[in-house]
C-alpha atoms as a PDB file:
ATOM      1  CA  MET A   1       2.175 -22.068   1.409  1.00  0.00           C
ATOM      2  CA  MET A   2       4.490 -18.677   2.557  1.00  0.00           C
ATOM      3  CA  ARG A   3       3.461 -16.591   0.474  1.00  0.00           C
ATOM      4  CA  TRP A   4      -0.412 -17.267   1.978  1.00  0.00           C
ATOM      5  CA  ALA A   5       1.602 -16.763   5.302  1.00  0.00           C
ATOM      6  CA  ALA A   6       3.077 -13.764   5.066  1.00  0.00           C
ATOM      7  CA  LEU A   7      -0.004 -12.061   3.918  1.00  0.00           C
ATOM      8  CA  VAL A   8      -1.478 -13.228   7.430  1.00  0.00           C
ATOM      9  CA  ILE A   9       1.057 -12.271   9.578  1.00  0.00           C
ATOM     10  CA  THR A  10       1.337  -8.755   8.324  1.00  0.00           C
ATOM     11  CA  LEU A  11      -2.179  -8.361   8.011  1.00  0.00           C
ATOM     12  CA  GLY A  12      -2.456 -10.132  11.361  1.00  0.00           C
ATOM     13  CA  LEU A  13       0.245  -7.992  13.058  1.00  0.00           C
ATOM     14  CA  GLY A  14      -0.667  -4.534  11.946  1.00  0.00           C
ATOM     15  CA  PHE A  15      -4.308  -5.519  13.502  1.00  0.00           C
ATOM     16  CA  LEU A  16      -2.136  -5.907  16.911  1.00  0.00           C
ATOM     17  CA  VAL A  17      -0.907  -2.610  16.220  1.00  0.00           C
ATOM     18  CA  VAL A  18      -3.662  -0.637  15.008  1.00  0.00           C
ATOM     19  CA  PRO A  19      -5.406   2.270  18.115  1.00  0.00           C
ATOM     20  CA  ALA A  20      -8.866   0.949  17.916  1.00  0.00           C
ATOM     21  CA  GLN A  21      -9.795   5.085  17.076  1.00  0.00           C
ATOM     22  CA  ALA A  22      -7.540   4.919  13.933  1.00  0.00           C
ATOM     23  CA  GLN A  23      -8.716   4.921  10.458  1.00  0.00           C
ATOM     24  CA  VAL A  24      -7.428   1.948   8.453  1.00  0.00           C
ATOM     25  CA  THR A  25      -7.201   1.023   5.081  1.00  0.00           C
ATOM     26  CA  PHE A  26      -5.952  -2.221   3.432  1.00  0.00           C
ATOM     27  CA  GLY A  27      -5.601  -4.212   0.751  1.00  0.00           C
ATOM     28  CA  PRO A  28      -3.532  -6.574  -1.906  1.00  0.00           C
ATOM     29  CA  GLN A  29      -0.289  -5.335  -3.148  1.00  0.00           C
ATOM     30  CA  LEU A  30       2.279  -6.192  -6.254  1.00  0.00           C
ATOM     31  CA  ALA A  31       5.729  -5.597  -6.340  1.00  0.00           C
ATOM     32  CA  TRP A  32       9.028  -5.570  -8.106  1.00  0.00           C
ATOM     33  CA  GLY A  33      12.459  -6.199  -6.016  1.00  0.00           C
ATOM     34  CA  ASP A  34      15.387  -5.586  -8.484  1.00  0.00           C
ATOM     35  CA  ASP A  35      17.184  -8.251  -6.154  1.00  0.00           C
ATOM     36  CA  THR A  36      14.481 -10.579  -5.817  1.00  0.00           C
ATOM     37  CA  ASP A  37      11.706 -10.213  -8.653  1.00  0.00           C
ATOM     38  CA  PHE A  38       8.068 -10.208  -8.820  1.00  0.00           C
ATOM     39  CA  GLY A  39       5.854 -10.912  -5.713  1.00  0.00           C
ATOM     40  CA  ILE A  40       2.494 -10.690  -3.886  1.00  0.00           C
ATOM     41  CA  GLY A  41       1.634  -9.522  -0.944  1.00  0.00           C
ATOM     42  CA  GLY A  42      -0.452  -7.128   1.730  1.00  0.00           C
ATOM     43  CA  ARG A  43      -1.102  -4.115   3.227  1.00  0.00           C
ATOM     44  CA  ILE A  44      -2.248  -2.035   6.097  1.00  0.00           C
ATOM     45  CA  ASN A  45      -2.335   2.070   6.568  1.00  0.00           C
ATOM     46  CA  PHE A  46      -3.460   3.605   9.584  1.00  0.00           C
ATOM     47  CA  ASP A  47      -3.393   6.835  11.305  1.00  0.00           C
ATOM     48  CA  LEU A  48      -0.222   8.021  14.336  1.00  0.00           C
ATOM     49  CA  ALA A  49      -1.263  11.061  14.259  1.00  0.00           C
ATOM     50  CA  GLY A  50      -4.381  10.778  15.941  1.00  0.00           C
ATOM     51  CA  PRO A  51      -3.236   8.187  18.779  1.00  0.00           C
ATOM     52  CA  LEU A  52      -0.447  10.225  19.583  1.00  0.00           C
ATOM     53  CA  ALA A  53      -1.858  13.441  19.850  1.00  0.00           C
ATOM     54  CA  ILE A  54      -0.071  15.482  16.705  1.00  0.00           C
ATOM     55  CA  ASP A  55      -2.437  18.537  16.183  1.00  0.00           C
ATOM     56  CA  ASP A  56      -0.268  20.577  14.171  1.00  0.00           C
ATOM     57  CA  GLY A  57       2.707  20.400  12.178  1.00  0.00           C
ATOM     58  CA  LEU A  58       4.263  18.730   9.594  1.00  0.00           C
ATOM     59  CA  PHE A  59       3.003  15.395  11.386  1.00  0.00           C
ATOM     60  CA  GLN A  60      -0.574  16.282  11.991  1.00  0.00           C
ATOM     61  CA  ASN A  61      -1.017  13.699   8.950  1.00  0.00           C
ATOM     62  CA  LEU A  62       1.044  10.868  10.193  1.00  0.00           C
ATOM     63  CA  PHE A  63      -0.034   7.286   9.200  1.00  0.00           C
ATOM     64  CA  ALA A  64       1.522   4.024   9.586  1.00  0.00           C
ATOM     65  CA  SER A  65       1.927   1.151   7.017  1.00  0.00           C
ATOM     66  CA  ALA A  66       2.878  -2.129   7.707  1.00  0.00           C
ATOM     67  CA  THR A  67       3.312  -4.718   4.971  1.00  0.00           C
ATOM     68  CA  GLY A  68       4.186  -8.160   3.908  1.00  0.00           C
ATOM     69  CA  SER A  69       5.549  -9.402   0.367  1.00  0.00           C
ATOM     70  CA  TYR A  70       6.279 -13.204  -1.113  1.00  0.00           C
ATOM     71  CA  PHE A  71       8.452 -12.931  -3.806  1.00  0.00           C
ATOM     72  CA  PHE A  72       9.001 -15.811  -6.432  1.00  0.00           C
ATOM     73  CA  ASP A  73      12.945 -14.702  -6.255  1.00  0.00           C
ATOM     74  CA  ASP A  74      14.037 -17.104  -9.796  1.00  0.00           C
ATOM     75  CA  CYS A  75      17.883 -17.613  -7.757  1.00  0.00           C
ATOM     76  CA  GLY A  76      19.299 -16.433 -11.175  1.00  0.00           C
ATOM     77  CA  SER A  77      21.419 -17.971 -13.713  1.00  0.00           C
ATOM     78  CA  GLY A  78      22.797 -20.522 -14.628  1.00  0.00           C
ATOM     79  CA  VAL A  79      20.995 -21.841 -10.669  1.00  0.00           C
ATOM     80  CA  PRO A  80      19.448 -25.574 -11.184  1.00  0.00           C
ATOM     81  CA  ASP A  81      15.524 -25.876 -11.611  1.00  0.00           C
ATOM     82  CA  ALA A  82      15.814 -28.567  -8.893  1.00  0.00           C
ATOM     83  CA  VAL A  83      16.975 -25.041  -5.874  1.00  0.00           C
ATOM     84  CA  ASP A  84      14.039 -23.361  -5.066  1.00  0.00           C
ATOM     85  CA  CYS A  85      15.132 -19.721  -3.595  1.00  0.00           C
ATOM     86  CA  SER A  86      12.080 -17.262  -1.678  1.00  0.00           C
ATOM     87  CA  PHE A  87      12.585 -13.703  -0.359  1.00  0.00           C
ATOM     88  CA  ILE A  88       9.719 -12.925   1.933  1.00  0.00           C
ATOM     89  CA  GLU A  89       9.980  -9.280   3.597  1.00  0.00           C
ATOM     90  CA  PHE A  90       8.129  -6.965   6.777  1.00  0.00           C
ATOM     91  CA  ASN A  91       8.341  -3.451   6.659  1.00  0.00           C
ATOM     92  CA  GLY A  92       6.494  -1.069   9.164  1.00  0.00           C
ATOM     93  CA  ASN A  93       6.730   2.429   7.940  1.00  0.00           C
ATOM     94  CA  ALA A  94       5.727   6.053   9.801  1.00  0.00           C
ATOM     95  CA  ASN A  95       4.739   8.511   6.613  1.00  0.00           C
ATOM     96  CA  VAL A  96       4.159  12.189   6.213  1.00  0.00           C
ATOM     97  CA  PRO A  97       1.743  12.911   3.322  1.00  0.00           C
ATOM     98  CA  PHE A  98       2.090  15.909   1.646  1.00  0.00           C
ATOM     99  CA  THR A  99      -0.382  16.985  -1.237  1.00  0.00           C
ATOM    100  CA  ILE A 100       0.212  18.432  -4.736  1.00  0.00           C
ATOM    101  CA  GLU A 101      -2.336  21.452  -5.619  1.00  0.00           C
ATOM    102  CA  ASP A 102      -4.934  21.195  -7.985  1.00  0.00           C
ATOM    103  CA  SER A 103      -5.015  17.514  -8.196  1.00  0.00           C
ATOM    104  CA  SER A 104      -6.972  14.712  -6.558  1.00  0.00           C
ATOM    105  CA  VAL A 105      -3.152  12.914  -6.309  1.00  0.00           C
ATOM    106  CA  SER A 106      -1.071  12.690  -2.581  1.00  0.00           C
ATOM    107  CA  GLY A 107       1.984  11.883  -2.248  1.00  0.00           C
ATOM    108  CA  TYR A 108       4.318  10.830   0.797  1.00  0.00           C
ATOM    109  CA  LEU A 109       7.742   9.794   2.124  1.00  0.00           C
ATOM    110  CA  GLY A 110       8.633   7.718   5.170  1.00  0.00           C
ATOM    111  CA  SER A 111      11.031   5.577   6.863  1.00  0.00           C
ATOM    112  CA  GLY A 112      10.773   2.764   8.924  1.00  0.00           C
ATOM    113  CA  VAL A 113      12.055  -0.824   9.830  1.00  0.00           C
ATOM    114  CA  HIS A 114      12.070  -4.146   7.719  1.00  0.00           C
ATOM    115  CA  LEU A 115      12.518  -8.293   8.774  1.00  0.00           C
ATOM    116  CA  ALA A 116      13.714  -9.809   5.828  1.00  0.00           C
ATOM    117  CA  ARG A 117      14.562 -13.831   4.878  1.00  0.00           C
ATOM    118  CA  PHE A 118      15.948 -15.110   1.948  1.00  0.00           C
ATOM    119  CA  SER A 119      16.097 -18.852   1.488  1.00  0.00           C
ATOM    120  CA  VAL A 120      17.556 -21.717  -0.564  1.00  0.00           C
ATOM    121  CA  ASP A 121      15.653 -24.872  -0.554  1.00  0.00           C
ATOM    122  CA  THR A 122      17.288 -27.907  -2.330  1.00  0.00           C
ATOM    123  CA  ASN A 123      14.512 -30.509  -3.335  1.00  0.00           C
ATOM    124  CA  SER A 124      16.509 -32.815  -5.559  1.00  0.00           C
ATOM    125  CA  VAL A 125      18.121 -36.137  -4.752  1.00  0.00           C
ATOM    126  CA  ASN A 126      19.820 -36.045  -7.743  1.00  0.00           C
ATOM    127  CA  GLN A 127      21.798 -32.722  -7.828  1.00  0.00           C
ATOM    128  CA  THR A 128      25.768 -32.497  -7.575  1.00  0.00           C
ATOM    129  CA  PRO A 129      26.511 -33.186  -3.413  1.00  0.00           C
ATOM    130  CA  GLY A 130      27.367 -29.810  -2.367  1.00  0.00           C
ATOM    131  CA  LEU A 131      26.720 -27.390  -5.439  1.00  0.00           C
ATOM    132  CA  PHE A 132      23.902 -25.967  -3.235  1.00  0.00           C
ATOM    133  CA  LEU A 133      23.631 -26.201   0.545  1.00  0.00           C
ATOM    134  CA  PRO A 134      20.055 -25.309   1.365  1.00  0.00           C
ATOM    135  CA  THR A 135      20.673 -22.503   3.782  1.00  0.00           C
ATOM    136  CA  THR A 136      18.624 -19.477   5.803  1.00  0.00           C
ATOM    137  CA  ASP A 137      19.134 -15.424   6.062  1.00  0.00           C
ATOM    138  CA  THR A 138      17.068 -13.086   8.356  1.00  0.00           C
ATOM    139  CA  GLU A 139      18.182  -9.347   7.932  1.00  0.00           C
ATOM    140  CA  VAL A 140      16.827  -6.210  10.012  1.00  0.00           C
ATOM    141  CA  GLY A 141      17.461  -3.427   8.527  1.00  0.00           C
ATOM    142  CA  LEU A 142      15.749   0.787   7.686  1.00  0.00           C
ATOM    143  CA  ASN A 143      14.111   1.853   4.309  1.00  0.00           C
ATOM    144  CA  VAL A 144      13.318   4.893   3.759  1.00  0.00           C
ATOM    145  CA  LEU A 145      10.491   5.398   0.807  1.00  0.00           C
ATOM    146  CA  GLY A 146       7.980   7.397  -1.013  1.00  0.00           C
ATOM    147  CA  GLY A 147       4.807   6.745  -2.581  1.00  0.00           C
ATOM    148  CA  PHE A 148       1.993   8.475  -4.441  1.00  0.00           C
ATOM    149  CA  MET A 149      -2.078   7.721  -3.567  1.00  0.00           C
ATOM    150  CA  PHE A 150      -5.084   8.305  -6.210  1.00  0.00           C
ATOM    151  CA  PRO A 151      -8.498   7.410  -6.118  1.00  0.00           C
ATOM    152  CA  VAL A 152      -9.709   4.307  -8.041  1.00  0.00           C
ATOM    153  CA  SER A 153     -13.446   4.973  -8.094  1.00  0.00           C
ATOM    154  CA  ASP A 154     -14.836   4.287  -4.574  1.00  0.00           C
ATOM    155  CA  LEU A 155     -11.812   2.729  -3.377  1.00  0.00           C
ATOM    156  CA  THR A 156      -7.594   4.058  -3.674  1.00  0.00           C
ATOM    157  CA  GLY A 157      -4.564   3.650  -5.498  1.00  0.00           C
ATOM    158  CA  PHE A 158      -1.446   3.604  -4.688  1.00  0.00           C
ATOM    159  CA  VAL A 159       2.159   3.703  -6.290  1.00  0.00           C
ATOM    160  CA  GLU A 160       5.738   3.326  -4.008  1.00  0.00           C
ATOM    161  CA  GLY A 161       9.151   2.683  -4.025  1.00  0.00           C
ATOM    162  CA  LYS A 162      11.015   1.730  -1.107  1.00  0.00           C
ATOM    163  CA  PHE A 163      15.152   1.145  -0.865  1.00  0.00           C
ATOM    164  CA  GLY A 164      16.799  -0.579   1.925  1.00  0.00           C
ATOM    165  CA  LEU A 165      19.666   1.588   3.343  1.00  0.00           C
ATOM    166  CA  VAL A 166      20.412  -1.781   5.653  1.00  0.00           C
ATOM    167  CA  GLY A 167      19.561  -5.437   5.430  1.00  0.00           C
ATOM    168  CA  ALA A 168      18.019  -6.117   2.483  1.00  0.00           C
ATOM    169  CA  GLN A 169      19.524  -3.691   0.390  1.00  0.00           C
ATOM    170  CA  GLN A 170      17.707  -3.526  -2.696  1.00  0.00           C
ATOM    171  CA  PHE A 171      14.738  -1.127  -4.326  1.00  0.00           C
ATOM    172  CA  ILE A 172      11.558  -2.484  -4.542  1.00  0.00           C
ATOM    173  CA  LEU A 173       8.765  -1.242  -6.903  1.00  0.00           C
ATOM    174  CA  SER A 174       5.172  -1.182  -5.402  1.00  0.00           C
ATOM    175  CA  ALA A 175       1.724  -0.765  -6.550  1.00  0.00           C
ATOM    176  CA  GLY A 176      -1.473  -1.929  -5.124  1.00  0.00           C
ATOM    177  CA  ILE A 177      -5.211  -1.162  -4.456  1.00  0.00           C
ATOM    178  CA  LEU A 178      -6.986   0.015  -0.631  1.00  0.00           C
ATOM    179  CA  PHE A 179     -10.360  -1.010   1.098  1.00  0.00           C
ATOM    180  CA  GLY A 180     -11.898   1.124   3.781  1.00  0.00           C
ATOM    181  CA  GLY A 181     -11.373   4.721   5.380  1.00  0.00           C
END
């Protein structure tokens, strides 16, 4: 349930902040975090240069990305099956694209903020009392990232690496397909 809530919230928040005239692409993504394992989520990209009236220079093609992912965290070794861990992360990033000469692949570099929520839930009354207490931790942090976009038939594929500098400090590799635009 939480993974679908993460996707819906990401899409909803993205559309709240997208300027009406901005070009929008959106789609699903798969993710892997070096601390949180496999995840699924959604992504929205939209133009920032137009609404900010940036006509030339380094930022003339500036775009934003809003993402949300639910990670199927296994809690690590030695933790009983009765304990469930989950990790949800939302990101808002500003990205500067660059071209790769004589290639249909383009790249981008960016940075932004994330909101990460890690929770541990004990769902068994037969475990040793006090050994695993339910807990939740929410952190706000900063990201740096880079990625590539490439054509996939009439759609756009992407691969992105992101590192949390402050807050949830982990490396996340994401990949997916974007529709629209």
